[in-house]
Amino acid sequence: MSRDARWKALLELLVEQGRLEVEEAAAELGVSAATIRRDFDQLAEQQMLVRTRGGAVVHGVSYELPLRYKTARRASEKQRIAKAVAGLVSPGEAVGLTGGTTTTEVARALAVRADLASGSPALTIVTNALNIANELAVRPQFKIVLTGGVARPSSYELIGPLADGVLSQITMDVAVLGVVAFDVTHGAAAHDEAEAAINRLLCERAERVVVAADSSKLGQRAFAWICATGAVDTLVTDTAVEEETVRRFEETGVRVLAV
């Protein structure tokens, strides 16, 4: 296992458990304790964790794994979800994309759609995610509109009131939300309130809203509210979603696609 893969795996374990012991992590990843100690020390130098005697803990009570360290966990699910979401977009539409791993996959799925290989433009993409804009900017058939704002290092998203000036002047056909939580009662949510505010603006400026979220995000709550469940037209998730969860969302008027 490469160092990069180890670091990603260690940080994901740390997010899940809050605390990791050296021996426990070594057994989990199948490497030596000395390797884990060295990894912990180097990650602590980057302020990705706090070193403790015999292990490591996350920074603070609330912790969000930076996008660059997120692994391909649930990669196949996210790619299926992304392909299905991309299939909901028609040529010529204006599409809003929030940041996140699943919406990044949506951008990639749109980029390889044969019927979007040409056009003037084939799609207009509105996003506050620097990484998505960077990937799609090389596609001449796409018109890329990047919101203003201040870059959030953990997610590559632009946040803050500077984005209002752009979003207040445009309308979109569809907004695709990547969320950390989507609950029937409490709606869609993110970890960060500034990120949630931009996502909420994207929803308000779109004709329809699609939530792209794997089943682990459903029935969960998070700190910063994005929008009510009733504001969402379609939820695209994976086949591990429970039937009761599907039923409850559909009762609120949300169309659920499990792929």
C-alpha atoms as a PDB file:
ATOM      1  CA  MET A   1       0.000   0.000   0.000  1.00  0.00           C
ATOM      2  CA  SER A   2       1.403   3.383  -1.004  1.00  0.00           C
ATOM      3  CA  ARG A   3       1.876   6.160   1.531  1.00  0.00           C
ATOM      4  CA  ASP A   4      -0.909   8.203  -0.073  1.00  0.00           C
ATOM      5  CA  ALA A   5      -3.323   5.270   0.162  1.00  0.00           C
ATOM      6  CA  ARG A   6      -2.323   4.662   3.794  1.00  0.00           C
ATOM      7  CA  TRP A   7      -2.872   8.285   4.727  1.00  0.00           C
ATOM      8  CA  LYS A   8      -6.291   8.319   3.133  1.00  0.00           C
ATOM      9  CA  ALA A   9      -7.258   5.103   4.897  1.00  0.00           C
ATOM     10  CA  LEU A  10      -5.923   6.337   8.244  1.00  0.00           C
ATOM     11  CA  LEU A  11      -7.808   9.623   8.027  1.00  0.00           C
ATOM     12  CA  GLU A  12     -11.052   7.896   7.112  1.00  0.00           C
ATOM     13  CA  LEU A  13     -10.687   5.513  10.048  1.00  0.00           C
ATOM     14  CA  LEU A  14      -9.946   8.474  12.284  1.00  0.00           C
ATOM     15  CA  VAL A  15     -13.057  10.326  11.117  1.00  0.00           C
ATOM     16  CA  GLU A  16     -15.188   7.248  11.793  1.00  0.00           C
ATOM     17  CA  GLN A  17     -13.766   6.416  15.211  1.00  0.00           C
ATOM     18  CA  GLY A  18     -12.471   9.731  16.543  1.00  0.00           C
ATOM     19  CA  ARG A  19      -9.363   8.022  17.963  1.00  0.00           C
ATOM     20  CA  LEU A  20      -6.878   5.461  16.659  1.00  0.00           C
ATOM     21  CA  GLU A  21      -4.188   3.461  18.418  1.00  0.00           C
ATOM     22  CA  VAL A  22      -0.966   2.630  16.591  1.00  0.00           C
ATOM     23  CA  GLU A  23      -1.300  -1.130  16.981  1.00  0.00           C
ATOM     24  CA  GLU A  24      -4.953  -1.074  15.951  1.00  0.00           C
ATOM     25  CA  ALA A  25      -4.200   0.943  12.819  1.00  0.00           C
ATOM     26  CA  ALA A  26      -1.224  -1.252  11.935  1.00  0.00           C
ATOM     27  CA  ALA A  27      -3.380  -4.386  12.136  1.00  0.00           C
ATOM     28  CA  GLU A  28      -6.162  -2.765  10.107  1.00  0.00           C
ATOM     29  CA  LEU A  29      -3.854  -1.727   7.270  1.00  0.00           C
ATOM     30  CA  GLY A  30      -1.482  -4.676   7.433  1.00  0.00           C
ATOM     31  CA  VAL A  31       1.679  -2.635   7.977  1.00  0.00           C
ATOM     32  CA  SER A  32       4.185  -2.277  10.790  1.00  0.00           C
ATOM     33  CA  ALA A  33       3.596  -0.181  13.900  1.00  0.00           C
ATOM     34  CA  ALA A  34       6.723   1.809  13.015  1.00  0.00           C
ATOM     35  CA  THR A  35       5.160   2.779   9.684  1.00  0.00           C
ATOM     36  CA  ILE A  36       1.958   3.938  11.386  1.00  0.00           C
ATOM     37  CA  ARG A  37       3.894   5.981  13.944  1.00  0.00           C
ATOM     38  CA  ARG A  38       5.763   7.690  11.129  1.00  0.00           C
ATOM     39  CA  ASP A  39       2.497   8.330   9.257  1.00  0.00           C
ATOM     40  CA  PHE A  40       0.863   9.776  12.375  1.00  0.00           C
ATOM     41  CA  ASP A  41       3.838  12.067  12.961  1.00  0.00           C
ATOM     42  CA  GLN A  42       3.810  13.352   9.376  1.00  0.00           C
ATOM     43  CA  LEU A  43       0.023  13.870   9.364  1.00  0.00           C
ATOM     44  CA  ALA A  44       0.293  15.721  12.675  1.00  0.00           C
ATOM     45  CA  GLU A  45       2.891  18.046  11.105  1.00  0.00           C
ATOM     46  CA  GLN A  46       0.284  18.881   8.445  1.00  0.00           C
ATOM     47  CA  GLN A  47      -2.288  19.492  11.194  1.00  0.00           C
ATOM     48  CA  MET A  48      -4.468  16.682   9.863  1.00  0.00           C
ATOM     49  CA  LEU A  49      -4.667  15.041  13.290  1.00  0.00           C
ATOM     50  CA  VAL A  50      -3.493  15.437  16.866  1.00  0.00           C
ATOM     51  CA  ARG A  51      -0.813  13.020  18.038  1.00  0.00           C
ATOM     52  CA  THR A  52      -1.396  11.283  21.376  1.00  0.00           C
ATOM     53  CA  ARG A  53       0.605   8.796  23.386  1.00  0.00           C
ATOM     54  CA  GLY A  54       0.214   5.580  21.448  1.00  0.00           C
ATOM     55  CA  GLY A  55      -2.072   6.958  18.755  1.00  0.00           C
ATOM     56  CA  ALA A  56      -3.916   9.943  17.334  1.00  0.00           C
ATOM     57  CA  VAL A  57      -7.221  11.817  17.596  1.00  0.00           C
ATOM     58  CA  VAL A  58      -9.109  14.130  15.254  1.00  0.00           C
ATOM     59  CA  HIS A  59      -8.999  17.907  15.532  1.00  0.00           C
ATOM     60  CA  GLY A  60     -11.915  19.140  17.640  1.00  0.00           C
ATOM     61  CA  VAL A  61     -15.386  17.702  18.091  1.00  0.00           C
ATOM     62  CA  SER A  62     -16.611  18.235  14.529  1.00  0.00           C
ATOM     63  CA  TYR A  63     -14.307  17.105  11.787  1.00  0.00           C
ATOM     64  CA  GLU A  64     -14.645  16.972   8.026  1.00  0.00           C
ATOM     65  CA  LEU A  65     -12.202  14.942   5.990  1.00  0.00           C
ATOM     66  CA  PRO A  66     -10.580  17.209   3.382  1.00  0.00           C
ATOM     67  CA  LEU A  67     -11.589  16.339  -0.167  1.00  0.00           C
ATOM     68  CA  ARG A  68      -8.035  15.616  -1.285  1.00  0.00           C
ATOM     69  CA  TYR A  69      -7.766  12.866   1.344  1.00  0.00           C
ATOM     70  CA  LYS A  70     -11.079  11.180   0.610  1.00  0.00           C
ATOM     71  CA  THR A  71     -10.564   7.773  -0.907  1.00  0.00           C
ATOM     72  CA  ALA A  72     -12.613   5.925  -3.437  1.00  0.00           C
ATOM     73  CA  ARG A  73     -14.793   4.533  -0.680  1.00  0.00           C
ATOM     74  CA  ARG A  74     -18.183   3.711  -2.201  1.00  0.00           C
ATOM     75  CA  ALA A  75     -16.556   4.590  -5.515  1.00  0.00           C
ATOM     76  CA  SER A  76     -18.697   2.219  -7.561  1.00  0.00           C
ATOM     77  CA  GLU A  77     -21.868   3.521  -5.912  1.00  0.00           C
ATOM     78  CA  LYS A  78     -20.865   7.132  -6.512  1.00  0.00           C
ATOM     79  CA  GLN A  79     -20.033   6.438 -10.149  1.00  0.00           C
ATOM     80  CA  ARG A  80     -23.406   4.752 -10.722  1.00  0.00           C
ATOM     81  CA  ILE A  81     -25.175   7.613  -8.989  1.00  0.00           C
ATOM     82  CA  ALA A  82     -23.214  10.130 -11.075  1.00  0.00           C
ATOM     83  CA  LYS A  83     -24.077   8.404 -14.338  1.00  0.00           C
ATOM     84  CA  ALA A  84     -27.765   8.383 -13.401  1.00  0.00           C
ATOM     85  CA  VAL A  85     -27.679  12.063 -12.421  1.00  0.00           C
ATOM     86  CA  ALA A  86     -25.908  12.962 -15.663  1.00  0.00           C
ATOM     87  CA  GLY A  87     -28.698  11.153 -17.506  1.00  0.00           C
ATOM     88  CA  LEU A  88     -31.225  13.575 -16.016  1.00  0.00           C
ATOM     89  CA  VAL A  89     -29.554  16.515 -17.760  1.00  0.00           C
ATOM     90  CA  SER A  90     -30.631  17.551 -21.253  1.00  0.00           C
ATOM     91  CA  PRO A  91     -28.335  19.157 -23.849  1.00  0.00           C
ATOM     92  CA  GLY A  92     -28.315  22.935 -23.677  1.00  0.00           C
ATOM     93  CA  GLU A  93     -29.331  23.128 -20.021  1.00  0.00           C
ATOM     94  CA  ALA A  94     -27.730  25.236 -17.318  1.00  0.00           C
ATOM     95  CA  VAL A  95     -26.559  22.963 -14.517  1.00  0.00           C
ATOM     96  CA  GLY A  96     -25.454  23.970 -11.023  1.00  0.00           C
ATOM     97  CA  LEU A  97     -22.933  21.690  -9.310  1.00  0.00           C
ATOM     98  CA  THR A  98     -21.923  22.005  -5.669  1.00  0.00           C
ATOM     99  CA  GLY A  99     -18.609  20.644  -4.449  1.00  0.00           C
ATOM    100  CA  GLY A 100     -17.959  17.128  -3.172  1.00  0.00           C
ATOM    101  CA  THR A 101     -16.818  13.709  -4.305  1.00  0.00           C
ATOM    102  CA  THR A 102     -20.158  12.633  -5.775  1.00  0.00           C
ATOM    103  CA  THR A 103     -20.754  15.869  -7.691  1.00  0.00           C
ATOM    104  CA  THR A 104     -17.192  15.642  -9.015  1.00  0.00           C
ATOM    105  CA  GLU A 105     -18.149  12.238 -10.427  1.00  0.00           C
ATOM    106  CA  VAL A 106     -21.274  13.833 -11.925  1.00  0.00           C
ATOM    107  CA  ALA A 107     -19.066  16.377 -13.702  1.00  0.00           C
ATOM    108  CA  ARG A 108     -16.925  13.552 -15.075  1.00  0.00           C
ATOM    109  CA  ALA A 109     -20.008  11.638 -16.222  1.00  0.00           C
ATOM    110  CA  LEU A 110     -21.281  14.712 -18.055  1.00  0.00           C
ATOM    111  CA  ALA A 111     -17.876  15.197 -19.677  1.00  0.00           C
ATOM    112  CA  VAL A 112     -17.950  11.765 -21.365  1.00  0.00           C
ATOM    113  CA  ARG A 113     -21.548  11.840 -22.589  1.00  0.00           C
ATOM    114  CA  ALA A 114     -21.367  11.399 -26.352  1.00  0.00           C
ATOM    115  CA  ASP A 115     -24.346  13.650 -27.030  1.00  0.00           C
ATOM    116  CA  LEU A 116     -22.619  16.471 -25.158  1.00  0.00           C
ATOM    117  CA  ALA A 117     -19.434  16.310 -27.218  1.00  0.00           C
ATOM    118  CA  SER A 118     -20.440  19.362 -29.210  1.00  0.00           C
ATOM    119  CA  GLY A 119     -22.783  22.311 -28.988  1.00  0.00           C
ATOM    120  CA  SER A 120     -22.665  26.026 -28.408  1.00  0.00           C
ATOM    121  CA  PRO A 121     -22.680  25.395 -25.566  1.00  0.00           C
ATOM    122  CA  ALA A 122     -23.639  21.766 -24.985  1.00  0.00           C
ATOM    123  CA  LEU A 123     -24.100  22.685 -21.303  1.00  0.00           C
ATOM    124  CA  THR A 124     -23.624  25.691 -19.077  1.00  0.00           C
ATOM    125  CA  ILE A 125     -22.050  24.578 -15.809  1.00  0.00           C
ATOM    126  CA  VAL A 126     -22.378  26.851 -12.785  1.00  0.00           C
ATOM    127  CA  THR A 127     -20.247  25.781  -9.842  1.00  0.00           C
ATOM    128  CA  ASN A 128     -18.511  27.047  -6.742  1.00  0.00           C
ATOM    129  CA  ALA A 129     -16.098  24.076  -6.794  1.00  0.00           C
ATOM    130  CA  LEU A 130     -12.624  24.929  -8.072  1.00  0.00           C
ATOM    131  CA  ASN A 131     -11.734  21.323  -8.845  1.00  0.00           C
ATOM    132  CA  ILE A 132     -14.884  20.796 -10.940  1.00  0.00           C
ATOM    133  CA  ALA A 133     -14.308  24.019 -12.872  1.00  0.00           C
ATOM    134  CA  ASN A 134     -10.698  22.987 -13.456  1.00  0.00           C
ATOM    135  CA  GLU A 135     -11.702  19.578 -14.840  1.00  0.00           C
ATOM    136  CA  LEU A 136     -14.424  20.901 -17.130  1.00  0.00           C
ATOM    137  CA  ALA A 137     -12.695  24.077 -18.325  1.00  0.00           C
ATOM    138  CA  VAL A 138     -10.751  22.025 -20.894  1.00  0.00           C
ATOM    139  CA  ARG A 139     -14.054  20.955 -22.494  1.00  0.00           C
ATOM    140  CA  PRO A 140     -14.728  23.667 -25.089  1.00  0.00           C
ATOM    141  CA  GLN A 141     -18.323  22.524 -25.513  1.00  0.00           C
ATOM    142  CA  PHE A 142     -19.093  23.500 -21.909  1.00  0.00           C
ATOM    143  CA  LYS A 143     -19.581  27.058 -20.755  1.00  0.00           C
ATOM    144  CA  ILE A 144     -18.164  27.285 -17.221  1.00  0.00           C
ATOM    145  CA  VAL A 145     -19.461  29.877 -14.774  1.00  0.00           C
ATOM    146  CA  LEU A 146     -17.516  29.989 -11.517  1.00  0.00           C
ATOM    147  CA  THR A 147     -19.028  31.826  -8.579  1.00  0.00           C
ATOM    148  CA  GLY A 148     -16.965  34.311  -6.665  1.00  0.00           C
ATOM    149  CA  GLY A 149     -15.968  33.749  -3.072  1.00  0.00           C
ATOM    150  CA  VAL A 150     -13.200  32.679  -0.756  1.00  0.00           C
ATOM    151  CA  ALA A 151     -11.702  29.218  -1.263  1.00  0.00           C
ATOM    152  CA  ARG A 152     -12.457  26.650   1.438  1.00  0.00           C
ATOM    153  CA  PRO A 153      -9.324  24.448   1.567  1.00  0.00           C
ATOM    154  CA  SER A 154     -11.004  21.256   2.754  1.00  0.00           C
ATOM    155  CA  SER A 155     -13.499  21.080  -0.115  1.00  0.00           C
ATOM    156  CA  TYR A 156     -12.084  23.364  -2.871  1.00  0.00           C
ATOM    157  CA  GLU A 157     -15.356  25.318  -2.709  1.00  0.00           C
ATOM    158  CA  LEU A 158     -15.767  29.066  -2.955  1.00  0.00           C
ATOM    159  CA  ILE A 159     -17.860  30.434  -0.110  1.00  0.00           C
ATOM    160  CA  GLY A 160     -18.978  33.767   1.277  1.00  0.00           C
ATOM    161  CA  PRO A 161     -21.095  36.736   0.152  1.00  0.00           C
ATOM    162  CA  LEU A 162     -19.054  37.401  -3.005  1.00  0.00           C
ATOM    163  CA  ALA A 163     -20.919  34.517  -4.660  1.00  0.00           C
ATOM    164  CA  ASP A 164     -24.239  36.320  -4.226  1.00  0.00           C
ATOM    165  CA  GLY A 165     -23.411  38.772  -6.989  1.00  0.00           C
ATOM    166  CA  VAL A 166     -23.129  35.998  -9.569  1.00  0.00           C
ATOM    167  CA  LEU A 167     -25.941  33.749  -8.390  1.00  0.00           C
ATOM    168  CA  SER A 168     -28.427  36.604  -8.042  1.00  0.00           C
ATOM    169  CA  GLN A 169     -28.097  37.328 -11.764  1.00  0.00           C
ATOM    170  CA  ILE A 170     -28.594  33.859 -13.212  1.00  0.00           C
ATOM    171  CA  THR A 171     -31.123  31.047 -13.351  1.00  0.00           C
ATOM    172  CA  MET A 172     -30.464  27.351 -13.879  1.00  0.00           C
ATOM    173  CA  ASP A 173     -32.443  24.394 -15.126  1.00  0.00           C
ATOM    174  CA  VAL A 174     -31.136  22.028 -12.487  1.00  0.00           C
ATOM    175  CA  ALA A 175     -28.979  22.195  -9.358  1.00  0.00           C
ATOM    176  CA  VAL A 176     -27.154  19.033  -8.316  1.00  0.00           C
ATOM    177  CA  LEU A 177     -26.381  18.923  -4.606  1.00  0.00           C
ATOM    178  CA  GLY A 178     -23.728  16.865  -2.924  1.00  0.00           C
ATOM    179  CA  VAL A 179     -24.678  16.612   0.747  1.00  0.00           C
ATOM    180  CA  VAL A 180     -23.330  15.060   3.926  1.00  0.00           C
ATOM    181  CA  ALA A 181     -26.826  14.391   5.240  1.00  0.00           C
ATOM    182  CA  PHE A 182     -30.357  14.151   3.840  1.00  0.00           C
ATOM    183  CA  ASP A 183     -33.243  13.414   6.165  1.00  0.00           C
ATOM    184  CA  VAL A 184     -36.981  13.384   5.449  1.00  0.00           C
ATOM    185  CA  THR A 185     -37.754  15.605   8.436  1.00  0.00           C
ATOM    186  CA  HIS A 186     -34.688  17.836   8.560  1.00  0.00           C
ATOM    187  CA  GLY A 187     -33.847  18.162   4.877  1.00  0.00           C
ATOM    188  CA  ALA A 188     -30.422  18.406   3.241  1.00  0.00           C
ATOM    189  CA  ALA A 189     -27.400  19.591   5.200  1.00  0.00           C
ATOM    190  CA  ALA A 190     -23.648  20.197   5.101  1.00  0.00           C
ATOM    191  CA  HIS A 191     -20.911  20.466   7.723  1.00  0.00           C
ATOM    192  CA  ASP A 192     -20.137  24.132   7.095  1.00  0.00           C
ATOM    193  CA  GLU A 193     -22.678  26.961   7.294  1.00  0.00           C
ATOM    194  CA  ALA A 194     -21.007  29.088   4.594  1.00  0.00           C
ATOM    195  CA  GLU A 195     -20.916  26.123   2.218  1.00  0.00           C
ATOM    196  CA  ALA A 196     -24.579  25.412   2.988  1.00  0.00           C
ATOM    197  CA  ALA A 197     -25.500  29.036   2.222  1.00  0.00           C
ATOM    198  CA  ILE A 198     -24.030  28.825  -1.295  1.00  0.00           C
ATOM    199  CA  ASN A 199     -25.724  25.483  -1.897  1.00  0.00           C
ATOM    200  CA  ARG A 200     -29.019  26.982  -0.773  1.00  0.00           C
ATOM    201  CA  LEU A 201     -28.617  29.847  -3.260  1.00  0.00           C
ATOM    202  CA  LEU A 202     -27.970  27.365  -6.059  1.00  0.00           C
ATOM    203  CA  CYS A 203     -31.214  25.577  -5.143  1.00  0.00           C
ATOM    204  CA  GLU A 204     -33.187  28.797  -5.110  1.00  0.00           C
ATOM    205  CA  ARG A 205     -31.947  29.782  -8.575  1.00  0.00           C
ATOM    206  CA  ALA A 206     -32.719  26.386 -10.169  1.00  0.00           C
ATOM    207  CA  GLU A 207     -35.922  25.104 -11.752  1.00  0.00           C
ATOM    208  CA  ARG A 208     -35.372  21.671 -10.228  1.00  0.00           C
ATOM    209  CA  VAL A 209     -33.100  20.240  -7.537  1.00  0.00           C
ATOM    210  CA  VAL A 210     -31.382  16.845  -7.551  1.00  0.00           C
ATOM    211  CA  VAL A 211     -29.656  15.421  -4.476  1.00  0.00           C
ATOM    212  CA  ALA A 212     -26.875  12.964  -5.335  1.00  0.00           C
ATOM    213  CA  ALA A 213     -26.087  10.980  -2.184  1.00  0.00           C
ATOM    214  CA  ASP A 214     -25.127   7.425  -1.383  1.00  0.00           C
ATOM    215  CA  SER A 215     -27.331   5.587   1.098  1.00  0.00           C
ATOM    216  CA  SER A 216     -24.990   6.210   4.049  1.00  0.00           C
ATOM    217  CA  LYS A 217     -25.987   9.907   3.924  1.00  0.00           C
ATOM    218  CA  LEU A 218     -29.727   9.245   4.190  1.00  0.00           C
ATOM    219  CA  GLY A 219     -31.517   9.607   7.503  1.00  0.00           C
ATOM    220  CA  GLN A 220     -28.556  11.582   8.816  1.00  0.00           C
ATOM    221  CA  ARG A 221     -28.372  15.110  10.206  1.00  0.00           C
ATOM    222  CA  ALA A 222     -25.581  17.659   9.942  1.00  0.00           C
ATOM    223  CA  PHE A 223     -24.879  21.076  11.410  1.00  0.00           C
ATOM    224  CA  ALA A 224     -25.665  23.413   8.504  1.00  0.00           C
ATOM    225  CA  TRP A 225     -29.088  23.300   6.833  1.00  0.00           C
ATOM    226  CA  ILE A 226     -29.237  23.633   3.028  1.00  0.00           C
ATOM    227  CA  CYS A 227     -32.879  23.150   2.087  1.00  0.00           C
ATOM    228  CA  ALA A 228     -36.100  21.428   3.077  1.00  0.00           C
ATOM    229  CA  THR A 229     -36.924  18.001   1.710  1.00  0.00           C
ATOM    230  CA  GLY A 230     -39.839  19.515  -0.175  1.00  0.00           C
ATOM    231  CA  ALA A 231     -37.438  21.661  -2.221  1.00  0.00           C
ATOM    232  CA  VAL A 232     -35.837  18.536  -3.691  1.00  0.00           C
ATOM    233  CA  ASP A 233     -37.340  17.044  -6.848  1.00  0.00           C
ATOM    234  CA  THR A 234     -35.178  13.935  -7.214  1.00  0.00           C
ATOM    235  CA  LEU A 235     -32.918  11.885  -4.950  1.00  0.00           C
ATOM    236  CA  VAL A 236     -30.412   9.632  -6.696  1.00  0.00           C
ATOM    237  CA  THR A 237     -28.856   7.064  -4.378  1.00  0.00           C
ATOM    238  CA  ASP A 238     -27.593   3.472  -4.387  1.00  0.00           C
ATOM    239  CA  THR A 239     -29.476   0.203  -4.089  1.00  0.00           C
ATOM    240  CA  ALA A 240     -28.513  -0.273  -0.434  1.00  0.00           C
ATOM    241  CA  VAL A 241     -31.148   2.289   0.545  1.00  0.00           C
ATOM    242  CA  GLU A 242     -33.844   0.816   2.767  1.00  0.00           C
ATOM    243  CA  GLU A 243     -37.342   0.466   1.340  1.00  0.00           C
ATOM    244  CA  GLU A 244     -38.811   2.360   4.290  1.00  0.00           C
ATOM    245  CA  THR A 245     -36.477   5.276   3.595  1.00  0.00           C
ATOM    246  CA  VAL A 246     -37.536   5.325  -0.053  1.00  0.00           C
ATOM    247  CA  ARG A 247     -41.199   5.238   0.954  1.00  0.00           C
ATOM    248  CA  ARG A 248     -40.830   8.150   3.358  1.00  0.00           C
ATOM    249  CA  PHE A 249     -39.056  10.331   0.818  1.00  0.00           C
ATOM    250  CA  GLU A 250     -41.599   9.509  -1.873  1.00  0.00           C
ATOM    251  CA  GLU A 251     -44.427  10.454   0.500  1.00  0.00           C
ATOM    252  CA  THR A 252     -42.990  13.980   0.621  1.00  0.00           C
ATOM    253  CA  GLY A 253     -43.019  14.184  -3.174  1.00  0.00           C
ATOM    254  CA  VAL A 254     -39.350  13.364  -3.797  1.00  0.00           C
ATOM    255  CA  ARG A 255     -38.711  11.037  -6.714  1.00  0.00           C
ATOM    256  CA  VAL A 256     -36.164   8.401  -5.653  1.00  0.00           C
ATOM    257  CA  LEU A 257     -33.843   6.656  -8.103  1.00  0.00           C
ATOM    258  CA  ALA A 258     -31.811   3.804  -6.571  1.00  0.00           C
ATOM    259  CA  VAL A 259     -29.068   2.704  -8.936  1.00  0.00           C
END
